[in-house]
């Protein structure tokens, strides 16, 4: 499952694009759901799976030098998540 796209410029200014996958997303789909033809986790789990993807993307961005390291990463992700009114 594709979960992130990192885009930046190489030192010579060439665009660099890399697809990355999040094993947590794939693990969120049970064998029963896969057998039934589901590709995604149940709707009731989408917020938790989206959070894990956001945290993984932010960690990778920091590891790759595309973002500053953040000791409050999970707190910041939680604060940035949209909640319906």
N, C-alpha and C. Protein backbone atom coordinates (compact mmCIF):
# COMPACT_ATOMS: atom_id res chain seq x y z
N UNK A 1 0.84 -1.16 0.00
CA UNK A 1 0.00 0.00 0.00
C UNK A 1 0.89 1.24 0.00
N UNK A 2 0.60 2.18 -0.83
CA UNK A 2 1.36 3.43 -0.89
C UNK A 2 0.83 4.36 0.18
N UNK A 3 1.75 4.95 0.94
CA UNK A 3 1.29 5.83 2.00
C UNK A 3 1.93 7.19 1.99
N UNK A 4 3.01 7.36 1.27
CA UNK A 4 3.68 8.66 1.35
C UNK A 4 4.44 8.94 0.07
N UNK A 5 4.54 10.19 -0.22
CA UNK A 5 5.32 10.65 -1.36
C UNK A 5 6.23 11.76 -0.86
N UNK A 6 7.52 11.54 -0.95
CA UNK A 6 8.48 12.57 -0.55
C UNK A 6 9.04 13.18 -1.82
N UNK A 7 8.98 14.48 -1.92
CA UNK A 7 9.50 15.17 -3.08
C UNK A 7 10.46 16.25 -2.61
N UNK A 8 11.62 16.29 -3.20
CA UNK A 8 12.56 17.37 -2.91
C UNK A 8 13.51 17.50 -4.09
N UNK A 9 14.37 18.46 -4.03
CA UNK A 9 15.34 18.66 -5.10
C UNK A 9 16.67 18.06 -4.69
N UNK A 10 17.34 17.42 -5.63
CA UNK A 10 18.67 16.91 -5.39
C UNK A 10 19.64 18.10 -5.40
N UNK A 11 20.89 17.90 -4.97
CA UNK A 11 21.83 19.02 -4.95
C UNK A 11 21.98 19.76 -6.28
N UNK A 12 21.78 19.05 -7.39
CA UNK A 12 21.89 19.73 -8.69
C UNK A 12 20.57 20.34 -9.16
N UNK A 13 19.52 20.28 -8.31
CA UNK A 13 18.23 20.89 -8.62
C UNK A 13 17.25 19.98 -9.33
N UNK A 14 17.61 18.72 -9.52
CA UNK A 14 16.71 17.77 -10.17
C UNK A 14 15.64 17.31 -9.18
N UNK A 15 14.37 17.30 -9.58
CA UNK A 15 13.33 16.80 -8.67
C UNK A 15 13.54 15.32 -8.36
N UNK A 16 13.35 14.97 -7.11
CA UNK A 16 13.47 13.58 -6.66
C UNK A 16 12.15 13.18 -6.02
N UNK A 17 11.57 12.10 -6.48
CA UNK A 17 10.31 11.61 -5.94
C UNK A 17 10.51 10.17 -5.50
N UNK A 18 10.05 9.86 -4.31
CA UNK A 18 10.16 8.49 -3.80
C UNK A 18 8.85 8.08 -3.16
N UNK A 19 8.32 6.97 -3.61
CA UNK A 19 7.13 6.40 -2.97
C UNK A 19 7.61 5.56 -1.81
N UNK A 20 6.86 5.58 -0.75
CA UNK A 20 7.22 4.80 0.43
C UNK A 20 5.96 4.10 0.91
N UNK A 21 6.13 2.94 1.51
CA UNK A 21 4.97 2.23 2.01
C UNK A 21 5.04 2.13 3.52
N UNK A 22 3.91 2.01 4.14
CA UNK A 22 3.83 1.91 5.58
C UNK A 22 3.31 0.53 5.93
N UNK A 23 4.16 -0.34 6.49
CA UNK A 23 3.69 -1.68 6.83
C UNK A 23 2.57 -1.66 7.85
N UNK A 24 2.47 -0.61 8.65
CA UNK A 24 1.39 -0.52 9.63
C UNK A 24 0.04 -0.49 8.94
N UNK A 25 -0.03 0.14 7.79
CA UNK A 25 -1.29 0.21 7.05
C UNK A 25 -1.68 -1.18 6.56
N UNK A 26 -0.74 -1.88 5.99
CA UNK A 26 -1.02 -3.23 5.50
C UNK A 26 -1.41 -4.15 6.65
N UNK A 27 -0.74 -4.00 7.78
CA UNK A 27 -1.05 -4.84 8.94
C UNK A 27 -2.43 -4.54 9.51
N UNK A 28 -2.96 -3.36 9.24
CA UNK A 28 -4.26 -2.96 9.78
C UNK A 28 -5.41 -3.68 9.08
N UNK A 29 -5.14 -4.33 7.96
CA UNK A 29 -6.17 -5.08 7.24
C UNK A 29 -6.03 -6.54 7.62
N UNK A 30 -7.03 -7.05 8.31
CA UNK A 30 -6.98 -8.44 8.79
C UNK A 30 -7.06 -9.42 7.62
N UNK A 31 -6.62 -10.64 7.88
CA UNK A 31 -6.68 -11.71 6.88
C UNK A 31 -8.13 -11.94 6.46
N UNK A 32 -9.06 -11.85 7.42
CA UNK A 32 -10.48 -12.03 7.09
C UNK A 32 -10.95 -10.97 6.10
N UNK A 33 -10.55 -9.72 6.35
CA UNK A 33 -10.96 -8.64 5.44
C UNK A 33 -10.32 -8.81 4.06
N UNK A 34 -9.04 -9.22 4.04
CA UNK A 34 -8.39 -9.46 2.74
C UNK A 34 -9.09 -10.56 1.97
N UNK A 35 -9.45 -11.63 2.67
CA UNK A 35 -10.16 -12.75 2.04
C UNK A 35 -11.50 -12.29 1.48
N UNK A 36 -12.13 -11.35 2.18
CA UNK A 36 -13.42 -10.82 1.73
C UNK A 36 -13.26 -9.78 0.61
N UNK A 37 -12.01 -9.45 0.27
CA UNK A 37 -11.76 -8.51 -0.82
C UNK A 37 -11.49 -7.08 -0.38
N UNK A 38 -11.42 -6.84 0.92
CA UNK A 38 -11.16 -5.48 1.41
C UNK A 38 -9.69 -5.13 1.24
N UNK A 39 -9.42 -3.90 0.87
CA UNK A 39 -8.04 -3.43 0.72
C UNK A 39 -7.64 -2.50 1.86
N UNK A 40 -8.62 -2.00 2.58
CA UNK A 40 -8.39 -1.03 3.65
C UNK A 40 -8.97 -1.55 4.95
N UNK A 41 -8.50 -0.99 6.07
CA UNK A 41 -9.09 -1.37 7.35
C UNK A 41 -10.52 -0.84 7.46
N UNK A 42 -11.26 -1.30 8.46
CA UNK A 42 -12.63 -0.79 8.63
C UNK A 42 -12.62 0.73 8.87
N UNK A 43 -13.71 1.36 8.49
CA UNK A 43 -13.83 2.81 8.67
C UNK A 43 -13.58 3.20 10.12
N UNK A 44 -13.99 2.36 11.05
CA UNK A 44 -13.81 2.67 12.48
C UNK A 44 -12.34 2.77 12.87
N UNK A 45 -11.43 2.23 12.06
CA UNK A 45 -10.01 2.26 12.37
C UNK A 45 -9.23 3.29 11.54
N UNK A 46 -9.89 3.97 10.64
CA UNK A 46 -9.19 4.87 9.72
C UNK A 46 -8.45 6.01 10.44
N UNK A 47 -9.02 6.55 11.50
CA UNK A 47 -8.35 7.63 12.22
C UNK A 47 -7.04 7.13 12.82
N UNK A 48 -7.05 5.97 13.47
CA UNK A 48 -5.84 5.42 14.08
C UNK A 48 -4.80 5.08 13.02
N UNK A 49 -5.23 4.51 11.90
CA UNK A 49 -4.30 4.17 10.82
C UNK A 49 -3.74 5.44 10.19
N UNK A 50 -4.58 6.44 9.98
CA UNK A 50 -4.12 7.72 9.42
C UNK A 50 -3.09 8.36 10.34
N UNK A 51 -3.32 8.28 11.64
CA UNK A 51 -2.37 8.84 12.61
C UNK A 51 -1.03 8.13 12.51
N UNK A 52 -1.04 6.79 12.43
CA UNK A 52 0.22 6.05 12.36
C UNK A 52 0.98 6.38 11.07
N UNK A 53 0.25 6.60 9.98
CA UNK A 53 0.89 6.98 8.72
C UNK A 53 1.49 8.38 8.85
N UNK A 54 0.73 9.31 9.42
CA UNK A 54 1.24 10.68 9.58
C UNK A 54 2.50 10.71 10.43
N UNK A 55 2.52 9.95 11.51
CA UNK A 55 3.70 9.89 12.37
C UNK A 55 4.88 9.28 11.60
N UNK A 56 4.63 8.19 10.86
CA UNK A 56 5.70 7.55 10.09
C UNK A 56 6.24 8.48 9.01
N UNK A 57 5.37 9.22 8.34
CA UNK A 57 5.80 10.16 7.30
C UNK A 57 6.64 11.28 7.91
N UNK A 58 6.18 11.82 9.03
CA UNK A 58 6.92 12.90 9.69
C UNK A 58 8.29 12.42 10.18
N UNK A 59 8.35 11.21 10.74
CA UNK A 59 9.64 10.66 11.19
C UNK A 59 10.59 10.47 10.01
N UNK A 60 10.07 9.97 8.90
CA UNK A 60 10.91 9.76 7.72
C UNK A 60 11.37 11.09 7.16
N UNK A 61 10.50 12.09 7.16
CA UNK A 61 10.89 13.41 6.67
C UNK A 61 12.02 13.98 7.53
N UNK A 62 11.94 13.80 8.84
CA UNK A 62 13.00 14.28 9.72
C UNK A 62 14.28 13.47 9.50
N UNK A 63 14.13 12.16 9.36
CA UNK A 63 15.31 11.31 9.14
C UNK A 63 16.01 11.65 7.83
N UNK A 64 15.22 12.01 6.83
CA UNK A 64 15.76 12.34 5.51
C UNK A 64 16.28 13.77 5.42
N UNK A 65 16.10 14.55 6.47
CA UNK A 65 16.55 15.92 6.45
C UNK A 65 15.57 16.89 5.80
N UNK A 66 14.36 16.43 5.53
CA UNK A 66 13.36 17.29 4.90
C UNK A 66 12.56 18.08 5.92
N UNK A 67 12.71 17.72 7.20
CA UNK A 67 12.01 18.42 8.28
C UNK A 67 12.90 18.40 9.51
N UNK A 68 12.63 19.32 10.41
CA UNK A 68 13.38 19.37 11.66
C UNK A 68 12.93 18.23 12.57
N UNK A 69 13.85 17.62 13.32
CA UNK A 69 13.44 16.63 14.31
C UNK A 69 12.48 17.26 15.31
N UNK A 70 11.55 16.48 15.82
CA UNK A 70 10.52 16.99 16.70
C UNK A 70 10.28 16.00 17.83
N UNK A 71 10.59 16.41 19.05
CA UNK A 71 10.39 15.54 20.21
C UNK A 71 8.91 15.41 20.58
N UNK A 72 8.09 16.33 20.07
CA UNK A 72 6.66 16.31 20.37
C UNK A 72 5.85 15.86 19.16
N UNK A 73 6.45 15.05 18.33
CA UNK A 73 5.85 14.67 17.05
C UNK A 73 4.43 14.12 17.20
N UNK A 74 4.25 13.14 18.06
CA UNK A 74 2.92 12.53 18.18
C UNK A 74 1.90 13.51 18.75
N UNK A 75 2.30 14.34 19.67
CA UNK A 75 1.41 15.36 20.21
C UNK A 75 1.02 16.34 19.11
N UNK A 76 1.98 16.74 18.30
CA UNK A 76 1.70 17.68 17.20
C UNK A 76 0.79 17.05 16.15
N UNK A 77 0.99 15.78 15.84
CA UNK A 77 0.12 15.09 14.88
C UNK A 77 -1.30 15.04 15.43
N UNK A 78 -1.43 14.68 16.71
CA UNK A 78 -2.76 14.62 17.32
C UNK A 78 -3.44 15.98 17.27
N UNK A 79 -2.70 17.04 17.55
CA UNK A 79 -3.27 18.39 17.55
C UNK A 79 -3.67 18.84 16.15
N UNK A 80 -3.00 18.32 15.12
CA UNK A 80 -3.28 18.74 13.75
C UNK A 80 -4.40 17.93 13.10
N UNK A 81 -4.82 16.85 13.72
CA UNK A 81 -5.85 16.01 13.12
C UNK A 81 -7.20 16.70 13.16
N UNK A 82 -7.95 16.58 12.08
CA UNK A 82 -9.27 17.18 11.98
C UNK A 82 -10.27 16.29 12.72
N UNK A 83 -11.14 16.92 13.46
CA UNK A 83 -12.22 16.23 14.15
C UNK A 83 -13.54 16.85 13.69
N UNK A 84 -14.51 16.03 13.34
CA UNK A 84 -15.79 16.60 12.92
C UNK A 84 -16.46 17.34 14.08
N UNK A 85 -17.18 18.38 13.74
CA UNK A 85 -17.87 19.18 14.77
C UNK A 85 -19.12 18.49 15.24
